[in-house]
Amino acid sequence: MPLAAVIFGLGLWVFSEIFVFGLVADAIGVSGAIVATLLTSLVGLALLRRLGHAARDEITAIFRNGGRLAPEALQSGFRTALGSILLVLPGFLSDLVGLALLAPGLRRPHEARPQSRPQDPEIIDLPPQDWRRIDEADRH
């Protein structure tokens, strides 16, 4: 990616954050906008601290039990960390993106969808890692 595109993107992001801050300050007042910015930063710091403790405990448990970390856990942890960092950064647009990353439906989309129950008692609903397809010749 060319350096000019990165600089342009960062400049556009900063301009957008300042513009949105002005809109929020106009709606709730400058002091209210500053307090809201500080509160979201504190929430982001608290989430990062909790995530750090949880990650340390998870890694310790993996080393003790000789297990391995699931990719889903890594993805969820990365999204949580990125969402928390975006909350720490000043600005309401970054806060919105951070909150979207922290939303459970985006962190674990496979759990957010409603599960339909099969009507046939012969059908057992299993997660994808617990089944495999077999050929017709193998059935008999």
C-alpha atoms as a PDB file:
ATOM      1  CA  MET A   1       0.000   0.000   0.000  1.00  0.00           C
ATOM      2  CA  PRO A   2       1.497   3.339  -0.959  1.00  0.00           C
ATOM      3  CA  LEU A   3       2.463   5.711   1.816  1.00  0.00           C
ATOM      4  CA  ALA A   4       0.288   8.461   0.333  1.00  0.00           C
ATOM      5  CA  ALA A   5      -2.820   6.262   0.676  1.00  0.00           C
ATOM      6  CA  VAL A   6      -2.017   5.519   4.331  1.00  0.00           C
ATOM      7  CA  ILE A   7      -1.482   9.210   5.096  1.00  0.00           C
ATOM      8  CA  PHE A   8      -4.690  10.133   3.262  1.00  0.00           C
ATOM      9  CA  GLY A   9      -6.655   7.471   5.153  1.00  0.00           C
ATOM     10  CA  LEU A  10      -5.319   8.588   8.527  1.00  0.00           C
ATOM     11  CA  GLY A  11      -6.049  12.231   7.682  1.00  0.00           C
ATOM     12  CA  LEU A  12      -9.592  11.346   6.636  1.00  0.00           C
ATOM     13  CA  TRP A  13     -10.096   9.381   9.852  1.00  0.00           C
ATOM     14  CA  VAL A  14      -8.826  12.253  12.038  1.00  0.00           C
ATOM     15  CA  PHE A  15     -10.978  14.771  10.153  1.00  0.00           C
ATOM     16  CA  SER A  16     -14.032  12.509  10.544  1.00  0.00           C
ATOM     17  CA  GLU A  17     -13.391  12.080  14.278  1.00  0.00           C
ATOM     18  CA  ILE A  18     -13.121  15.858  14.761  1.00  0.00           C
ATOM     19  CA  PHE A  19     -16.277  16.441  12.712  1.00  0.00           C
ATOM     20  CA  VAL A  20     -18.282  13.870  14.686  1.00  0.00           C
ATOM     21  CA  PHE A  21     -16.925  15.251  17.963  1.00  0.00           C
ATOM     22  CA  GLY A  22     -18.225  18.670  16.887  1.00  0.00           C
ATOM     23  CA  LEU A  23     -21.655  17.205  16.133  1.00  0.00           C
ATOM     24  CA  VAL A  24     -21.797  15.458  19.523  1.00  0.00           C
ATOM     25  CA  ALA A  25     -20.520  18.571  21.314  1.00  0.00           C
ATOM     26  CA  ASP A  26     -23.221  20.608  19.586  1.00  0.00           C
ATOM     27  CA  ALA A  27     -25.874  18.108  20.708  1.00  0.00           C
ATOM     28  CA  ILE A  28     -24.824  17.541  24.345  1.00  0.00           C
ATOM     29  CA  GLY A  29     -22.323  20.326  24.996  1.00  0.00           C
ATOM     30  CA  VAL A  30     -18.547  20.383  24.949  1.00  0.00           C
ATOM     31  CA  SER A  31     -18.204  19.266  28.570  1.00  0.00           C
ATOM     32  CA  GLY A  32     -20.608  16.362  27.968  1.00  0.00           C
ATOM     33  CA  ALA A  33     -18.668  15.288  24.885  1.00  0.00           C
ATOM     34  CA  ILE A  34     -15.388  15.405  26.798  1.00  0.00           C
ATOM     35  CA  VAL A  35     -16.870  13.397  29.686  1.00  0.00           C
ATOM     36  CA  ALA A  36     -18.285  10.830  27.243  1.00  0.00           C
ATOM     37  CA  THR A  37     -14.882  10.515  25.565  1.00  0.00           C
ATOM     38  CA  LEU A  38     -13.147  10.021  28.915  1.00  0.00           C
ATOM     39  CA  LEU A  39     -15.732   7.447  30.046  1.00  0.00           C
ATOM     40  CA  THR A  40     -15.371   5.344  26.904  1.00  0.00           C
ATOM     41  CA  SER A  41     -11.587   5.471  27.311  1.00  0.00           C
ATOM     42  CA  LEU A  42     -11.897   4.238  30.902  1.00  0.00           C
ATOM     43  CA  VAL A  43     -14.227   1.428  29.802  1.00  0.00           C
ATOM     44  CA  GLY A  44     -11.717   0.444  27.118  1.00  0.00           C
ATOM     45  CA  LEU A  45      -8.876   0.385  29.656  1.00  0.00           C
ATOM     46  CA  ALA A  46     -10.931  -1.752  32.047  1.00  0.00           C
ATOM     47  CA  LEU A  47     -11.744  -4.193  29.235  1.00  0.00           C
ATOM     48  CA  LEU A  48      -8.084  -4.406  28.219  1.00  0.00           C
ATOM     49  CA  ARG A  49      -7.085  -5.107  31.795  1.00  0.00           C
ATOM     50  CA  ARG A  50      -9.706  -7.840  32.155  1.00  0.00           C
ATOM     51  CA  LEU A  51      -8.707  -9.305  28.791  1.00  0.00           C
ATOM     52  CA  GLY A  52      -5.063  -9.355  29.858  1.00  0.00           C
ATOM     53  CA  HIS A  53      -5.871 -11.291  33.028  1.00  0.00           C
ATOM     54  CA  ALA A  54      -8.118 -13.708  31.120  1.00  0.00           C
ATOM     55  CA  ALA A  55      -5.455 -14.277  28.448  1.00  0.00           C
ATOM     56  CA  ARG A  56      -2.797 -14.922  31.091  1.00  0.00           C
ATOM     57  CA  ASP A  57      -5.051 -17.456  32.830  1.00  0.00           C
ATOM     58  CA  GLU A  58      -5.905 -19.156  29.525  1.00  0.00           C
ATOM     59  CA  ILE A  59      -2.258 -19.473  28.484  1.00  0.00           C
ATOM     60  CA  THR A  60      -1.297 -20.798  31.920  1.00  0.00           C
ATOM     61  CA  ALA A  61      -4.041 -23.433  31.732  1.00  0.00           C
ATOM     62  CA  ILE A  62      -2.941 -24.474  28.241  1.00  0.00           C
ATOM     63  CA  PHE A  63       0.676 -24.951  29.339  1.00  0.00           C
ATOM     64  CA  ARG A  64      -0.365 -26.895  32.439  1.00  0.00           C
ATOM     65  CA  ASN A  65      -2.683 -29.262  30.570  1.00  0.00           C
ATOM     66  CA  GLY A  66      -0.588 -29.599  27.413  1.00  0.00           C
ATOM     67  CA  GLY A  67      -3.534 -28.512  25.292  1.00  0.00           C
ATOM     68  CA  ARG A  68      -3.773 -26.080  22.439  1.00  0.00           C
ATOM     69  CA  LEU A  69      -5.602 -22.810  21.892  1.00  0.00           C
ATOM     70  CA  ALA A  70      -8.564 -22.974  19.535  1.00  0.00           C
ATOM     71  CA  PRO A  71      -8.564 -20.564  16.558  1.00  0.00           C
ATOM     72  CA  GLU A  72     -12.034 -19.337  17.571  1.00  0.00           C
ATOM     73  CA  ALA A  73     -10.659 -18.248  20.932  1.00  0.00           C
ATOM     74  CA  LEU A  74      -7.822 -16.387  19.224  1.00  0.00           C
ATOM     75  CA  GLN A  75     -10.219 -14.604  16.878  1.00  0.00           C
ATOM     76  CA  SER A  76     -12.564 -13.661  19.696  1.00  0.00           C
ATOM     77  CA  GLY A  77      -9.670 -12.431  21.823  1.00  0.00           C
ATOM     78  CA  PHE A  78      -8.257 -10.390  18.951  1.00  0.00           C
ATOM     79  CA  ARG A  79     -11.633  -8.767  18.270  1.00  0.00           C
ATOM     80  CA  THR A  80     -12.072  -7.988  21.954  1.00  0.00           C
ATOM     81  CA  ALA A  81      -8.588  -6.486  22.190  1.00  0.00           C
ATOM     82  CA  LEU A  82      -9.047  -4.398  19.038  1.00  0.00           C
ATOM     83  CA  GLY A  83     -12.483  -3.221  20.203  1.00  0.00           C
ATOM     84  CA  SER A  84     -11.052  -2.257  23.594  1.00  0.00           C
ATOM     85  CA  ILE A  85      -8.160  -0.366  22.008  1.00  0.00           C
ATOM     86  CA  LEU A  86     -10.590   1.522  19.778  1.00  0.00           C
ATOM     87  CA  LEU A  87     -12.589   2.486  22.876  1.00  0.00           C
ATOM     88  CA  VAL A  88      -9.435   3.835  24.510  1.00  0.00           C
ATOM     89  CA  LEU A  89      -8.657   6.064  21.512  1.00  0.00           C
ATOM     90  CA  PRO A  90     -10.381   9.443  21.684  1.00  0.00           C
ATOM     91  CA  GLY A  91     -13.207   9.829  19.201  1.00  0.00           C
ATOM     92  CA  PHE A  92     -16.752   8.684  18.756  1.00  0.00           C
ATOM     93  CA  LEU A  93     -16.293   6.914  15.411  1.00  0.00           C
ATOM     94  CA  SER A  94     -13.574   4.687  16.831  1.00  0.00           C
ATOM     95  CA  ASP A  95     -15.854   4.063  19.829  1.00  0.00           C
ATOM     96  CA  LEU A  96     -18.663   2.903  17.526  1.00  0.00           C
ATOM     97  CA  VAL A  97     -16.359   0.514  15.684  1.00  0.00           C
ATOM     98  CA  GLY A  98     -14.950  -0.707  19.009  1.00  0.00           C
ATOM     99  CA  LEU A  99     -18.427  -1.352  20.393  1.00  0.00           C
ATOM    100  CA  ALA A 100     -19.387  -3.192  17.214  1.00  0.00           C
ATOM    101  CA  LEU A 101     -16.337  -5.449  17.622  1.00  0.00           C
ATOM    102  CA  LEU A 102     -17.300  -6.106  21.239  1.00  0.00           C
ATOM    103  CA  ALA A 103     -20.899  -7.029  20.335  1.00  0.00           C
ATOM    104  CA  PRO A 104     -21.472 -10.747  20.991  1.00  0.00           C
ATOM    105  CA  GLY A 105     -23.073 -11.313  17.583  1.00  0.00           C
ATOM    106  CA  LEU A 106     -19.903 -10.175  15.836  1.00  0.00           C
ATOM    107  CA  ARG A 107     -17.519 -11.855  18.246  1.00  0.00           C
ATOM    108  CA  ARG A 108     -19.202 -15.260  18.003  1.00  0.00           C
ATOM    109  CA  PRO A 109     -21.420 -15.278  14.915  1.00  0.00           C
ATOM    110  CA  HIS A 110     -21.969 -19.039  15.111  1.00  0.00           C
ATOM    111  CA  GLU A 111     -23.523 -18.634  18.586  1.00  0.00           C
ATOM    112  CA  ALA A 112     -25.563 -15.548  17.721  1.00  0.00           C
ATOM    113  CA  ARG A 113     -27.708 -17.275  15.112  1.00  0.00           C
ATOM    114  CA  PRO A 114     -30.828 -18.956  16.417  1.00  0.00           C
ATOM    115  CA  GLN A 115     -30.533 -22.701  16.197  1.00  0.00           C
ATOM    116  CA  SER A 116     -33.421 -24.504  14.563  1.00  0.00           C
ATOM    117  CA  ARG A 117     -34.368 -27.784  16.189  1.00  0.00           C
ATOM    118  CA  PRO A 118     -34.956 -30.743  13.913  1.00  0.00           C
ATOM    119  CA  GLN A 119     -38.477 -32.133  13.977  1.00  0.00           C
ATOM    120  CA  ASP A 120     -37.434 -35.675  13.088  1.00  0.00           C
ATOM    121  CA  PRO A 121     -36.380 -37.623  16.222  1.00  0.00           C
ATOM    122  CA  GLU A 122     -33.904 -39.583  14.068  1.00  0.00           C
ATOM    123  CA  ILE A 123     -31.885 -36.423  13.334  1.00  0.00           C
ATOM    124  CA  ILE A 124     -29.201 -35.358  15.774  1.00  0.00           C
ATOM    125  CA  ASP A 125     -27.938 -31.795  15.427  1.00  0.00           C
ATOM    126  CA  LEU A 126     -24.123 -31.737  15.842  1.00  0.00           C
ATOM    127  CA  PRO A 127     -21.597 -28.937  15.502  1.00  0.00           C
ATOM    128  CA  PRO A 128     -19.410 -29.221  12.358  1.00  0.00           C
ATOM    129  CA  GLN A 129     -16.330 -30.481  14.234  1.00  0.00           C
ATOM    130  CA  ASP A 130     -18.268 -33.486  15.610  1.00  0.00           C
ATOM    131  CA  TRP A 131     -19.383 -35.127  12.343  1.00  0.00           C
ATOM    132  CA  ARG A 132     -18.131 -36.180   8.934  1.00  0.00           C
ATOM    133  CA  ARG A 133     -19.767 -37.316   5.703  1.00  0.00           C
ATOM    134  CA  ILE A 134     -19.678 -40.982   4.767  1.00  0.00           C
ATOM    135  CA  ASP A 135     -20.248 -42.623   1.408  1.00  0.00           C
ATOM    136  CA  GLU A 136     -23.331 -44.719   0.746  1.00  0.00           C
ATOM    137  CA  ALA A 137     -21.101 -47.807   0.397  1.00  0.00           C
ATOM    138  CA  ASP A 138     -19.804 -47.272   3.971  1.00  0.00           C
ATOM    139  CA  ARG A 139     -23.304 -47.138   5.476  1.00  0.00           C
ATOM    140  CA  HIS A 140     -23.979 -50.875   5.144  1.00  0.00           C
END
